Amino acid sequence: DIVEKASREAVEYAESFEDPVIVLEDLSYIRENLDYGKY
């Protein structure tokens, strides 16, 4: 429910601006290029 609510509010926030483009982090960089350690 939290994920659904947060994602819905995120899109509603973006819609409040003119000509919006949502920009997200490419998670493949996190998985492949960065070593955060086991924890």
Full PDB file with SEQRES, HELIX, SHEET, SSBOND, CRYST1, ORIGX, SCALE, CONECT and MASTER records, all heavy atoms in Angstrom:
SEQRES   1 A   39  ASP ILE VAL GLU LYS ALA SER ARG GLU ALA VAL GLU TYR          
SEQRES   2 A   39  ALA GLU SER PHE GLU ASP PRO VAL ILE VAL LEU GLU ASP          
SEQRES   3 A   39  LEU SER TYR ILE ARG GLU ASN LEU ASP TYR GLY LYS TYR          
HELIX    1 AA1 ILE A    2  GLU A   15  1                                  14    
HELIX    2 AA2 LEU A   27  GLU A   32  1                                   6    
CRYST1    1.000    1.000    1.000  90.00  90.00  90.00 P 1           1          
ORIGX1      1.000000  0.000000  0.000000        0.00000                         
ORIGX2      0.000000  1.000000  0.000000        0.00000                         
ORIGX3      0.000000  0.000000  1.000000        0.00000                         
SCALE1      1.000000  0.000000  0.000000        0.00000                         
SCALE2      0.000000  1.000000  0.000000        0.00000                         
SCALE3      0.000000  0.000000  1.000000        0.00000                         
ATOM      1  N   ASP A   1       0.826  -1.206   0.000  1.00  0.00           N  
ATOM      2  CA  ASP A   1       0.000   0.000   0.000  1.00  0.00           C  
ATOM      3  C   ASP A   1       0.863   1.260   0.000  1.00  0.00           C  
ATOM      4  O   ASP A   1       0.537   2.256  -0.676  1.00  0.00           O  
ATOM      5  CB  ASP A   1      -0.919   0.011   1.222  1.00  0.00           C  
ATOM      6  CG  ASP A   1      -2.041  -1.011   1.120  1.00  0.00           C  
ATOM      7  OD1 ASP A   1      -2.301  -1.491   0.000  1.00  0.00           O  
ATOM      8  OD2 ASP A   1      -2.634  -1.339   2.163  1.00  0.00           O  
ATOM      9  N   ILE A   2       1.969   1.228   0.742  1.00  0.00           N  
ATOM     10  CA  ILE A   2       2.863   2.387   0.788  1.00  0.00           C  
ATOM     11  C   ILE A   2       3.490   2.631  -0.575  1.00  0.00           C  
ATOM     12  O   ILE A   2       3.558   3.773  -1.051  1.00  0.00           O  
ATOM     13  CB  ILE A   2       3.947   2.172   1.865  1.00  0.00           C  
ATOM     14  CG1 ILE A   2       3.325   2.262   3.258  1.00  0.00           C  
ATOM     15  CG2 ILE A   2       5.068   3.205   1.726  1.00  0.00           C  
ATOM     16  CD1 ILE A   2       4.278   1.918   4.381  1.00  0.00           C  
ATOM     17  N   VAL A   3       3.958   1.566  -1.234  1.00  0.00           N  
ATOM     18  CA  VAL A   3       4.550   1.702  -2.566  1.00  0.00           C  
ATOM     19  C   VAL A   3       3.531   2.277  -3.546  1.00  0.00           C  
ATOM     20  O   VAL A   3       3.842   3.166  -4.348  1.00  0.00           O  
ATOM     21  CB  VAL A   3       5.082   0.346  -3.057  1.00  0.00           C  
ATOM     22  CG1 VAL A   3       5.445   0.413  -4.545  1.00  0.00           C  
ATOM     23  CG2 VAL A   3       6.303  -0.072  -2.253  1.00  0.00           C  
ATOM     24  N   GLU A   4       2.299   1.764  -3.497  1.00  0.00           N  
ATOM     25  CA  GLU A   4       1.261   2.238  -4.407  1.00  0.00           C  
ATOM     26  C   GLU A   4       0.932   3.707  -4.145  1.00  0.00           C  
ATOM     27  O   GLU A   4       0.776   4.499  -5.083  1.00  0.00           O  
ATOM     28  CB  GLU A   4       0.012   1.374  -4.267  1.00  0.00           C  
ATOM     29  CG  GLU A   4       0.171  -0.041  -4.806  1.00  0.00           C  
ATOM     30  CD  GLU A   4       0.502  -0.043  -6.288  1.00  0.00           C  
ATOM     31  OE1 GLU A   4      -0.206   0.628  -7.061  1.00  0.00           O  
ATOM     32  OE2 GLU A   4       1.486  -0.715  -6.663  1.00  0.00           O  
ATOM     33  N   LYS A   5       0.816   4.080  -2.886  1.00  0.00           N  
ATOM     34  CA  LYS A   5       0.478   5.456  -2.558  1.00  0.00           C  
ATOM     35  C   LYS A   5       1.608   6.404  -2.938  1.00  0.00           C  
ATOM     36  O   LYS A   5       1.373   7.478  -3.512  1.00  0.00           O  
ATOM     37  CB  LYS A   5       0.183   5.586  -1.059  1.00  0.00           C  
ATOM     38  CG  LYS A   5      -0.242   6.999  -0.652  1.00  0.00           C  
ATOM     39  CD  LYS A   5      -0.557   7.085   0.835  1.00  0.00           C  
ATOM     40  CE  LYS A   5      -0.974   8.502   1.226  1.00  0.00           C  
ATOM     41  NZ  LYS A   5      -1.260   8.624   2.673  1.00  0.00           N  
ATOM     42  N   ALA A   6       2.842   6.019  -2.639  1.00  0.00           N  
ATOM     43  CA  ALA A   6       3.986   6.886  -2.955  1.00  0.00           C  
ATOM     44  C   ALA A   6       4.119   7.083  -4.462  1.00  0.00           C  
ATOM     45  O   ALA A   6       4.370   8.205  -4.933  1.00  0.00           O  
ATOM     46  CB  ALA A   6       5.267   6.292  -2.374  1.00  0.00           C  
ATOM     47  N   SER A   7       3.964   6.015  -5.232  1.00  0.00           N  
ATOM     48  CA  SER A   7       4.092   6.134  -6.688  1.00  0.00           C  
ATOM     49  C   SER A   7       2.957   6.962  -7.274  1.00  0.00           C  
ATOM     50  O   SER A   7       3.162   7.745  -8.211  1.00  0.00           O  
ATOM     51  CB  SER A   7       4.136   4.750  -7.333  1.00  0.00           C  
ATOM     52  OG  SER A   7       2.999   3.983  -6.997  1.00  0.00           O  
ATOM     53  N   ARG A   8       1.755   6.806  -6.724  1.00  0.00           N  
ATOM     54  CA  ARG A   8       0.623   7.604  -7.220  1.00  0.00           C  
ATOM     55  C   ARG A   8       0.843   9.086  -6.924  1.00  0.00           C  
ATOM     56  O   ARG A   8       0.630   9.942  -7.796  1.00  0.00           O  
ATOM     57  CB  ARG A   8      -0.677   7.127  -6.564  1.00  0.00           C  
ATOM     58  CG  ARG A   8      -1.909   7.887  -7.068  1.00  0.00           C  
ATOM     59  CD  ARG A   8      -3.188   7.391  -6.420  1.00  0.00           C  
ATOM     60  NE  ARG A   8      -3.262   7.693  -4.995  1.00  0.00           N  
ATOM     61  CZ  ARG A   8      -3.134   6.803  -4.028  1.00  0.00           C  
ATOM     62  NH1 ARG A   8      -2.919   5.529  -4.315  1.00  0.00           N  
ATOM     63  NH2 ARG A   8      -3.222   7.154  -2.755  1.00  0.00           N  
ATOM     64  N   GLU A   9       1.295   9.403  -5.705  1.00  0.00           N  
ATOM     65  CA  GLU A   9       1.532  10.798  -5.356  1.00  0.00           C  
ATOM     66  C   GLU A   9       2.672  11.395  -6.177  1.00  0.00           C  
ATOM     67  O   GLU A   9       2.660  12.592  -6.498  1.00  0.00           O  
ATOM     68  CB  GLU A   9       1.833  10.920  -3.861  1.00  0.00           C  
ATOM     69  CG  GLU A   9       0.633  10.680  -2.969  1.00  0.00           C  
ATOM     70  CD  GLU A   9       0.916  11.010  -1.513  1.00  0.00           C  
ATOM     71  OE1 GLU A   9       2.019  11.520  -1.217  1.00  0.00           O  
ATOM     72  OE2 GLU A   9       0.027  10.761  -0.666  1.00  0.00           O  
ATOM     73  N   ALA A  10       3.657  10.558  -6.508  1.00  0.00           N  
ATOM     74  CA  ALA A  10       4.781  11.047  -7.312  1.00  0.00           C  
ATOM     75  C   ALA A  10       4.297  11.518  -8.685  1.00  0.00           C  
ATOM     76  O   ALA A  10       4.700  12.584  -9.175  1.00  0.00           O  
ATOM     77  CB  ALA A  10       5.829   9.952  -7.466  1.00  0.00           C  
ATOM     78  N   VAL A  11       3.434  10.728  -9.301  1.00  0.00           N  
ATOM     79  CA  VAL A  11       2.922  11.094 -10.622  1.00  0.00           C  
ATOM     80  C   VAL A  11       2.006  12.314 -10.516  1.00  0.00           C  
ATOM     81  O   VAL A  11       2.040  13.215 -11.371  1.00  0.00           O  
ATOM     82  CB  VAL A  11       2.187   9.901 -11.265  1.00  0.00           C  
ATOM     83  CG1 VAL A  11       1.512  10.317 -12.568  1.00  0.00           C  
ATOM     84  CG2 VAL A  11       3.168   8.762 -11.519  1.00  0.00           C  
ATOM     85  N   GLU A  12       1.205  12.384  -9.469  1.00  0.00           N  
ATOM     86  CA  GLU A  12       0.347  13.556  -9.269  1.00  0.00           C  
ATOM     87  C   GLU A  12       1.188  14.818  -9.061  1.00  0.00           C  
ATOM     88  O   GLU A  12       0.835  15.899  -9.550  1.00  0.00           O  
ATOM     89  CB  GLU A  12      -0.574  13.330  -8.067  1.00  0.00           C  
ATOM     90  CG  GLU A  12      -1.637  12.256  -8.313  1.00  0.00           C  
ATOM     91  CD  GLU A  12      -2.429  11.928  -7.061  1.00  0.00           C  
ATOM     92  OE1 GLU A  12      -2.032  12.402  -5.963  1.00  0.00           O  
ATOM     93  OE2 GLU A  12      -3.434  11.199  -7.166  1.00  0.00           O  
ATOM     94  N   TYR A  13       2.301  14.677  -8.352  1.00  0.00           N  
ATOM     95  CA  TYR A  13       3.212  15.812  -8.161  1.00  0.00           C  
ATOM     96  C   TYR A  13       3.763  16.269  -9.514  1.00  0.00           C  
ATOM     97  O   TYR A  13       3.804  17.467  -9.816  1.00  0.00           O  
ATOM     98  CB  TYR A  13       4.340  15.397  -7.230  1.00  0.00           C  
ATOM     99  CG  TYR A  13       5.525  16.330  -7.175  1.00  0.00           C  
ATOM    100  CD1 TYR A  13       5.453  17.559  -6.525  1.00  0.00           C  
ATOM    101  CD2 TYR A  13       6.735  15.972  -7.770  1.00  0.00           C  
ATOM    102  CE1 TYR A  13       6.548  18.413  -6.471  1.00  0.00           C  
ATOM    103  CE2 TYR A  13       7.831  16.808  -7.714  1.00  0.00           C  
ATOM    104  CZ  TYR A  13       7.741  18.030  -7.066  1.00  0.00           C  
ATOM    105  OH  TYR A  13       8.834  18.860  -7.020  1.00  0.00           O  
ATOM    106  N   ALA A  14       4.165  15.307 -10.348  1.00  0.00           N  
ATOM    107  CA  ALA A  14       4.710  15.655 -11.659  1.00  0.00           C  
ATOM    108  C   ALA A  14       3.656  16.334 -12.531  1.00  0.00           C  
ATOM    109  O   ALA A  14       3.961  17.278 -13.281  1.00  0.00           O  
ATOM    110  CB  ALA A  14       5.234  14.394 -12.355  1.00  0.00           C  
ATOM    111  N   GLU A  15       2.408  15.882 -12.416  1.00  0.00           N  
ATOM    112  CA  GLU A  15       1.339  16.458 -13.230  1.00  0.00           C  
ATOM    113  C   GLU A  15       1.031  17.904 -12.854  1.00  0.00           C  
ATOM    114  O   GLU A  15       0.391  18.614 -13.635  1.00  0.00           O  
ATOM    115  CB  GLU A  15       0.072  15.612 -13.091  1.00  0.00           C  
ATOM    116  CG  GLU A  15       0.148  14.265 -13.786  1.00  0.00           C  
ATOM    117  CD  GLU A  15      -1.117  13.442 -13.595  1.00  0.00           C  
ATOM    118  OE1 GLU A  15      -1.605  13.365 -12.443  1.00  0.00           O  
ATOM    119  OE2 GLU A  15      -1.613  12.884 -14.591  1.00  0.00           O  
ATOM    120  N   SER A  16       1.489  18.347 -11.694  1.00  0.00           N  
ATOM    121  CA  SER A  16       1.217  19.720 -11.272  1.00  0.00           C  
ATOM    122  C   SER A  16       2.101  20.734 -11.994  1.00  0.00           C  
ATOM    123  O   SER A  16       1.891  21.948 -11.846  1.00  0.00           O  
ATOM    124  CB  SER A  16       1.401  19.864  -9.756  1.00  0.00           C  
ATOM    125  OG  SER A  16       2.768  19.709  -9.387  1.00  0.00           O  
ATOM    126  N   PHE A  17       3.086  20.249 -12.770  1.00  0.00           N  
ATOM    127  CA  PHE A  17       3.986  21.134 -13.508  1.00  0.00           C  
ATOM    128  C   PHE A  17       3.683  21.057 -15.009  1.00  0.00           C  
ATOM    129  O   PHE A  17       3.167  20.056 -15.511  1.00  0.00           O  
ATOM    130  CB  PHE A  17       5.445  20.754 -13.262  1.00  0.00           C  
ATOM    131  CG  PHE A  17       5.876  20.925 -11.830  1.00  0.00           C  
ATOM    132  CD1 PHE A  17       5.805  19.863 -10.941  1.00  0.00           C  
ATOM    133  CD2 PHE A  17       6.332  22.148 -11.373  1.00  0.00           C  
ATOM    134  CE1 PHE A  17       6.185  20.012  -9.617  1.00  0.00           C  
ATOM    135  CE2 PHE A  17       6.717  22.316 -10.049  1.00  0.00           C  
ATOM    136  CZ  PHE A  17       6.643  21.245  -9.168  1.00  0.00           C  
ATOM    137  N   GLU A  18       4.046  22.093 -15.709  1.00  0.00           N  
ATOM    138  CA  GLU A  18       3.836  22.147 -17.154  1.00  0.00           C  
ATOM    139  C   GLU A  18       4.919  21.347 -17.873  1.00  0.00           C  
ATOM    140  O   GLU A  18       6.103  21.439 -17.549  1.00  0.00           O  
ATOM    141  CB  GLU A  18       3.854  23.601 -17.627  1.00  0.00           C  
ATOM    142  CG  GLU A  18       3.518  23.773 -19.092  1.00  0.00           C  
ATOM    143  CD  GLU A  18       3.454  25.234 -19.506  1.00  0.00           C  
ATOM    144  OE1 GLU A  18       3.609  26.099 -18.621  1.00  0.00           O  
ATOM    145  OE2 GLU A  18       3.248  25.491 -20.706  1.00  0.00           O  
ATOM    146  N   ASP A  19       4.503  20.539 -18.841  1.00  0.00           N  
ATOM    147  CA  ASP A  19       5.423  19.727 -19.655  1.00  0.00           C  
ATOM    148  C   ASP A  19       6.409  18.929 -18.800  1.00  0.00           C  
ATOM    149  O   ASP A  19       7.638  19.042 -18.949  1.00  0.00           O  
ATOM    150  CB  ASP A  19       6.204  20.618 -20.628  1.00  0.00           C  
ATOM    151  CG  ASP A  19       5.301  21.283 -21.649  1.00  0.00           C  
ATOM    152  OD1 ASP A  19       4.278  20.667 -22.014  1.00  0.00           O  
ATOM    153  OD2 ASP A  19       5.616  22.412 -22.078  1.00  0.00           O  
ATOM    154  N   PRO A  20       5.933  18.089 -17.893  1.00  0.00           N  
ATOM    155  CA  PRO A  20       6.851  17.357 -17.007  1.00  0.00           C  
ATOM    156  C   PRO A  20       7.539  16.176 -17.686  1.00  0.00           C  
ATOM    157  O   PRO A  20       6.991  15.555 -18.600  1.00  0.00           O  
ATOM    158  CB  PRO A  20       5.903  16.861 -15.905  1.00  0.00           C  
ATOM    159  CG  PRO A  20       4.593  16.647 -16.611  1.00  0.00           C  
ATOM    160  CD  PRO A  20       4.514  17.758 -17.633  1.00  0.00           C  
ATOM    161  N   VAL A  21       8.731  15.894 -17.236  1.00  0.00           N  
ATOM    162  CA  VAL A  21       9.456  14.663 -17.557  1.00  0.00           C  
ATOM    163  C   VAL A  21       9.971  14.101 -16.242  1.00  0.00           C  
ATOM    164  O   VAL A  21      10.676  14.801 -15.503  1.00  0.00           O  
ATOM    165  CB  VAL A  21      10.636  14.902 -18.518  1.00  0.00           C  
ATOM    166  CG1 VAL A  21      11.462  13.632 -18.669  1.00  0.00           C  
ATOM    167  CG2 VAL A  21      10.135  15.344 -19.879  1.00  0.00           C  
ATOM    168  N   ILE A  22       9.599  12.881 -15.926  1.00  0.00           N  
ATOM    169  CA  ILE A  22      10.066  12.251 -14.693  1.00  0.00           C  
ATOM    170  C   ILE A  22      11.432  11.618 -14.939  1.00  0.00           C  
ATOM    171  O   ILE A  22      11.630  10.909 -15.932  1.00  0.00           O  
ATOM    172  CB  ILE A  22       9.061  11.186 -14.215  1.00  0.00           C  
ATOM    173  CG1 ILE A  22       7.795  11.874 -13.697  1.00  0.00           C  
ATOM    174  CG2 ILE A  22       9.665  10.296 -13.137  1.00  0.00           C  
ATOM    175  CD1 ILE A  22       6.700  10.919 -13.263  1.00  0.00           C  
ATOM    176  N   VAL A  23      12.374  11.883 -14.042  1.00  0.00           N  
ATOM    177  CA  VAL A  23      13.729  11.363 -14.173  1.00  0.00           C  
ATOM    178  C   VAL A  23      14.027  10.457 -12.976  1.00  0.00           C  
ATOM    179  O   VAL A  23      13.887  10.872 -11.826  1.00  0.00           O  
ATOM    180  CB  VAL A  23      14.773  12.499 -14.247  1.00  0.00           C  
ATOM    181  CG1 VAL A  23      16.139  11.934 -14.621  1.00  0.00           C  
ATOM    182  CG2 VAL A  23      14.342  13.566 -15.249  1.00  0.00           C  
ATOM    183  N   LEU A  24      14.443   9.227 -13.260  1.00  0.00           N  
ATOM    184  CA  LEU A  24      14.737   8.238 -12.228  1.00  0.00           C  
ATOM    185  C   LEU A  24      16.149   7.718 -12.379  1.00  0.00           C  
ATOM    186  O   LEU A  24      16.768   7.842 -13.447  1.00  0.00           O  
ATOM    187  CB  LEU A  24      13.745   7.066 -12.330  1.00  0.00           C  
ATOM    188  CG  LEU A  24      12.264   7.411 -12.218  1.00  0.00           C  
ATOM    189  CD1 LEU A  24      11.417   6.208 -12.629  1.00  0.00           C  
ATOM    190  CD2 LEU A  24      11.917   7.839 -10.804  1.00  0.00           C  
ATOM    191  N   GLU A  25      16.648   7.126 -11.321  1.00  0.00           N  
ATOM    192  CA  GLU A  25      17.981   6.530 -11.374  1.00  0.00           C  
ATOM    193  C   GLU A  25      17.922   5.190 -12.104  1.00  0.00           C  
ATOM    194  O   GLU A  25      16.996   4.404 -11.904  1.00  0.00           O  
ATOM    195  CB  GLU A  25      18.532   6.326  -9.966  1.00  0.00           C  
ATOM    196  CG  GLU A  25      18.828   7.625  -9.247  1.00  0.00           C  
ATOM    197  CD  GLU A  25      19.342   7.387  -7.838  1.00  0.00           C  
ATOM    198  OE1 GLU A  25      18.799   6.513  -7.143  1.00  0.00           O  
ATOM    199  OE2 GLU A  25      20.304   8.072  -7.445  1.00  0.00           O  
ATOM    200  N   ASP A  26      18.902   4.942 -12.938  1.00  0.00           N  
ATOM    201  CA  ASP A  26      19.015   3.662 -13.632  1.00  0.00           C  
ATOM    202  C   ASP A  26      19.601   2.644 -12.659  1.00  0.00           C  
ATOM    203  O   ASP A  26      20.793   2.685 -12.342  1.00  0.00           O  
ATOM    204  CB  ASP A  26      19.918   3.820 -14.856  1.00  0.00           C  
ATOM    205  CG  ASP A  26      19.972   2.564 -15.710  1.00  0.00           C  
ATOM    206  OD1 ASP A  26      19.571   1.489 -15.209  1.00  0.00           O  
ATOM    207  OD2 ASP A  26      20.422   2.649 -16.858  1.00  0.00           O  
ATOM    208  N   LEU A  27      18.780   1.718 -12.187  1.00  0.00           N  
ATOM    209  CA  LEU A  27      19.211   0.794 -11.139  1.00  0.00           C  
ATOM    210  C   LEU A  27      20.236  -0.217 -11.630  1.00  0.00           C  
ATOM    211  O   LEU A  27      20.875  -0.876 -10.820  1.00  0.00           O  
ATOM    212  CB  LEU A  27      18.002   0.067 -10.555  1.00  0.00           C  
ATOM    213  CG  LEU A  27      16.982   0.963  -9.851  1.00  0.00           C  
ATOM    214  CD1 LEU A  27      15.868   0.135  -9.253  1.00  0.00           C  
ATOM    215  CD2 LEU A  27      17.647   1.780  -8.764  1.00  0.00           C  
ATOM    216  N   SER A  28      20.391  -0.346 -12.940  1.00  0.00           N  
ATOM    217  CA  SER A  28      21.407  -1.291 -13.422  1.00  0.00           C  
ATOM    218  C   SER A  28      22.796  -0.839 -13.006  1.00  0.00           C  
ATOM    219  O   SER A  28      23.693  -1.649 -12.800  1.00  0.00           O  
ATOM    220  CB  SER A  28      21.340  -1.420 -14.946  1.00  0.00           C  
ATOM    221  OG  SER A  28      21.646  -0.186 -15.582  1.00  0.00           O  
ATOM    222  N   TYR A  29      22.996   0.484 -12.854  1.00  0.00           N  
ATOM    223  CA  TYR A  29      24.285   0.975 -12.372  1.00  0.00           C  
ATOM    224  C   TYR A  29      24.508   0.554 -10.927  1.00  0.00           C  
ATOM    225  O   TYR A  29      25.617   0.218 -10.519  1.00  0.00           O  
ATOM    226  CB  TYR A  29      24.346   2.503 -12.470  1.00  0.00           C  
ATOM    227  CG  TYR A  29      24.549   3.019 -13.857  1.00  0.00           C  
ATOM    228  CD1 TYR A  29      23.471   3.469 -14.616  1.00  0.00           C  
ATOM    229  CD2 TYR A  29      25.816   3.060 -14.419  1.00  0.00           C  
ATOM    230  CE1 TYR A  29      23.649   3.954 -15.897  1.00  0.00           C  
ATOM    231  CE2 TYR A  29      26.015   3.542 -15.707  1.00  0.00           C  
ATOM    232  CZ  TYR A  29      24.926   3.988 -16.434  1.00  0.00           C  
ATOM    233  OH  TYR A  29      25.113   4.457 -17.709  1.00  0.00           O  
ATOM    234  N   ILE A  30      23.433   0.581 -10.132  1.00  0.00           N  
ATOM    235  CA  ILE A  30      23.559   0.189  -8.739  1.00  0.00           C  
ATOM    236  C   ILE A  30      23.922  -1.282  -8.634  1.00  0.00           C  
ATOM    237  O   ILE A  30      24.784  -1.686  -7.862  1.00  0.00           O  
ATOM    238  CB  ILE A  30      22.244   0.480  -7.988  1.00  0.00           C  
ATOM    239  CG1 ILE A  30      22.030   1.995  -7.898  1.00  0.00           C  
ATOM    240  CG2 ILE A  30      22.257  -0.134  -6.592  1.00  0.00           C  
ATOM    241  CD1 ILE A  30      20.739   2.397  -7.213  1.00  0.00           C  
ATOM    242  N   ARG A  31      23.261  -2.123  -9.446  1.00  0.00           N  
ATOM    243  CA  ARG A  31      23.484  -3.559  -9.350  1.00  0.00           C  
ATOM    244  C   ARG A  31      24.840  -3.955  -9.913  1.00  0.00           C  
ATOM    245  O   ARG A  31      25.512  -4.828  -9.403  1.00  0.00           O  
ATOM    246  CB  ARG A  31      22.388  -4.310 -10.125  1.00  0.00           C  
ATOM    247  CG  ARG A  31      21.003  -4.164  -9.525  1.00  0.00           C  
ATOM    248  CD  ARG A  31      20.065  -5.183 -10.155  1.00  0.00           C  
ATOM    249  NE  ARG A  31      18.692  -4.993  -9.718  1.00  0.00           N  
ATOM    250  CZ  ARG A  31      17.738  -4.445 -10.458  1.00  0.00           C  
ATOM    251  NH1 ARG A  31      18.017  -4.037 -11.677  1.00  0.00           N  
ATOM    252  NH2 ARG A  31      16.523  -4.315 -10.000  1.00  0.00           N  
ATOM    253  N   GLU A  32      25.251  -3.310 -11.022  1.00  0.00           N  
ATOM    254  CA  GLU A  32      26.413  -3.786 -11.753  1.00  0.00           C  
ATOM    255  C   GLU A  32      27.709  -3.055 -11.420  1.00  0.00           C  
ATOM    256  O   GLU A  32      28.780  -3.644 -11.426  1.00  0.00           O  
ATOM    257  CB  GLU A  32      26.142  -3.666 -13.260  1.00  0.00           C  
ATOM    258  CG  GLU A  32      24.970  -4.529 -13.727  1.00  0.00           C  
ATOM    259  CD  GLU A  32      24.577  -4.226 -15.156  1.00  0.00           C  
ATOM    260  OE1 GLU A  32      25.316  -3.455 -15.808  1.00  0.00           O  
ATOM    261  OE2 GLU A  32      23.548  -4.741 -15.614  1.00  0.00           O  
ATOM    262  N   ASN A  33      27.617  -1.763 -11.133  1.00  0.00           N  
ATOM    263  CA  ASN A  33      28.830  -0.965 -11.043  1.00  0.00           C  
ATOM    264  C   ASN A  33      29.239  -0.570  -9.637  1.00  0.00           C  
ATOM    265  O   ASN A  33      30.381  -0.210  -9.414  1.00  0.00           O  
ATOM    266  CB  ASN A  33      28.665   0.326 -11.871  1.00  0.00           C  
ATOM    267  CG  ASN A  33      28.528   0.014 -13.351  1.00  0.00           C  
ATOM    268  OD1 ASN A  33      28.809  -1.096 -13.775  1.00  0.00           O  
ATOM    269  ND2 ASN A  33      28.093   0.985 -14.123  1.00  0.00           N  
ATOM    270  N   LEU A  34      28.308  -0.597  -8.717  1.00  0.00           N  
ATOM    271  CA  LEU A  34      28.622  -0.144  -7.371  1.00  0.00           C  
ATOM    272  C   LEU A  34      28.578  -1.303  -6.398  1.00  0.00           C  
ATOM    273  O   LEU A  34      27.634  -2.090  -6.402  1.00  0.00           O  
ATOM    274  CB  LEU A  34      27.637   0.938  -6.926  1.00  0.00           C  
ATOM    275  CG  LEU A  34      27.587   2.202  -7.802  1.00  0.00           C  
ATOM    276  CD1 LEU A  34      26.594   3.185  -7.222  1.00  0.00           C  
ATOM    277  CD2 LEU A  34      28.958   2.842  -7.925  1.00  0.00           C  
ATOM    278  N   ASP A  35      29.566  -1.415  -5.569  1.00  0.00           N  
ATOM    279  CA  ASP A  35      29.618  -2.475  -4.578  1.00  0.00           C  
ATOM    280  C   ASP A  35      29.344  -1.871  -3.208  1.00  0.00           C  
ATOM    281  O   ASP A  35      30.205  -1.241  -2.611  1.00  0.00           O  
ATOM    282  CB  ASP A  35      30.984  -3.166  -4.594  1.00  0.00           C  
ATOM    283  CG  ASP A  35      31.039  -4.316  -3.588  1.00  0.00           C  
ATOM    284  OD1 ASP A  35      29.968  -4.709  -3.083  1.00  0.00           O  
ATOM    285  OD2 ASP A  35      32.146  -4.798  -3.327  1.00  0.00           O  
ATOM    286  N   TYR A  36      28.134  -2.055  -2.707  1.00  0.00           N  
ATOM    287  CA  TYR A  36      27.768  -1.514  -1.419  1.00  0.00           C  
ATOM    288  C   TYR A  36      28.096  -2.479  -0.279  1.00  0.00           C  
ATOM    289  O   TYR A  36      27.911  -2.161   0.875  1.00  0.00           O  
ATOM    290  CB  TYR A  36      26.263  -1.226  -1.385  1.00  0.00           C  
ATOM    291  CG  TYR A  36      25.862  -0.003  -2.178  1.00  0.00           C  
ATOM    292  CD1 TYR A  36      25.279  -0.149  -3.432  1.00  0.00           C  
ATOM    293  CD2 TYR A  36      26.047   1.270  -1.676  1.00  0.00           C  
ATOM    294  CE1 TYR A  36      24.896   0.974  -4.160  1.00  0.00           C  
ATOM    295  CE2 TYR A  36      25.667   2.389  -2.394  1.00  0.00           C  
ATOM    296  CZ  TYR A  36      25.093   2.230  -3.635  1.00  0.00           C  
ATOM    297  OH  TYR A  36      24.710   3.329  -4.352  1.00  0.00           O  
ATOM    298  N   GLY A  37      28.528  -3.686  -0.615  1.00  0.00           N  
ATOM    299  CA  GLY A  37      28.762  -4.677   0.410  1.00  0.00           C  
ATOM    300  C   GLY A  37      27.504  -5.472   0.711  1.00  0.00           C  
ATOM    301  O   GLY A  37      26.401  -5.113   0.315  1.00  0.00           O  
ATOM    302  N   LYS A  38      27.675  -6.563   1.433  1.00  0.00           N  
ATOM    303  CA  LYS A  38      26.567  -7.484   1.690  1.00  0.00           C  
ATOM    304  C   LYS A  38      25.421  -6.810   2.419  1.00  0.00           C  
ATOM    305  O   LYS A  38      24.253  -6.980   2.056  1.00  0.00           O  
ATOM    306  CB  LYS A  38      27.094  -8.671   2.504  1.00  0.00           C  
ATOM    307  CG  LYS A  38      26.051  -9.734   2.802  1.00  0.00           C  
ATOM    308  CD  LYS A  38      26.690 -10.880   3.552  1.00  0.00           C  
ATOM    309  CE  LYS A  38      25.662 -11.946   3.895  1.00  0.00           C  
ATOM    310  NZ  LYS A  38      26.274 -13.077   4.647  1.00  0.00           N  
ATOM    311  N   TYR A  39      25.722  -6.025   3.444  1.00  0.00           N  
ATOM    312  CA  TYR A  39      24.664  -5.388   4.229  1.00  0.00           C  
ATOM    313  C   TYR A  39      23.868  -4.411   3.381  1.00  0.00           C  
ATOM    314  O   TYR A  39      22.635  -4.437   3.368  1.00  0.00           O  
ATOM    315  CB  TYR A  39      25.258  -4.669   5.440  1.00  0.00           C  
ATOM    316  CG  TYR A  39      24.262  -3.767   6.119  1.00  0.00           C  
ATOM    317  CD1 TYR A  39      23.245  -4.300   6.912  1.00  0.00           C  
ATOM    318  CD2 TYR A  39      24.316  -2.386   5.953  1.00  0.00           C  
ATOM    319  CE1 TYR A  39      22.314  -3.476   7.533  1.00  0.00           C  
ATOM    320  CE2 TYR A  39      23.387  -1.561   6.556  1.00  0.00           C  
ATOM    321  CZ  TYR A  39      22.405  -2.116   7.352  1.00  0.00           C  
ATOM    322  OH  TYR A  39      21.483  -1.303   7.944  1.00  0.00           O  
TER     323      TYR A  39                                                      
MASTER        0    0    0    2    0    0    0    6  322    1    0    3          
END                                                                             
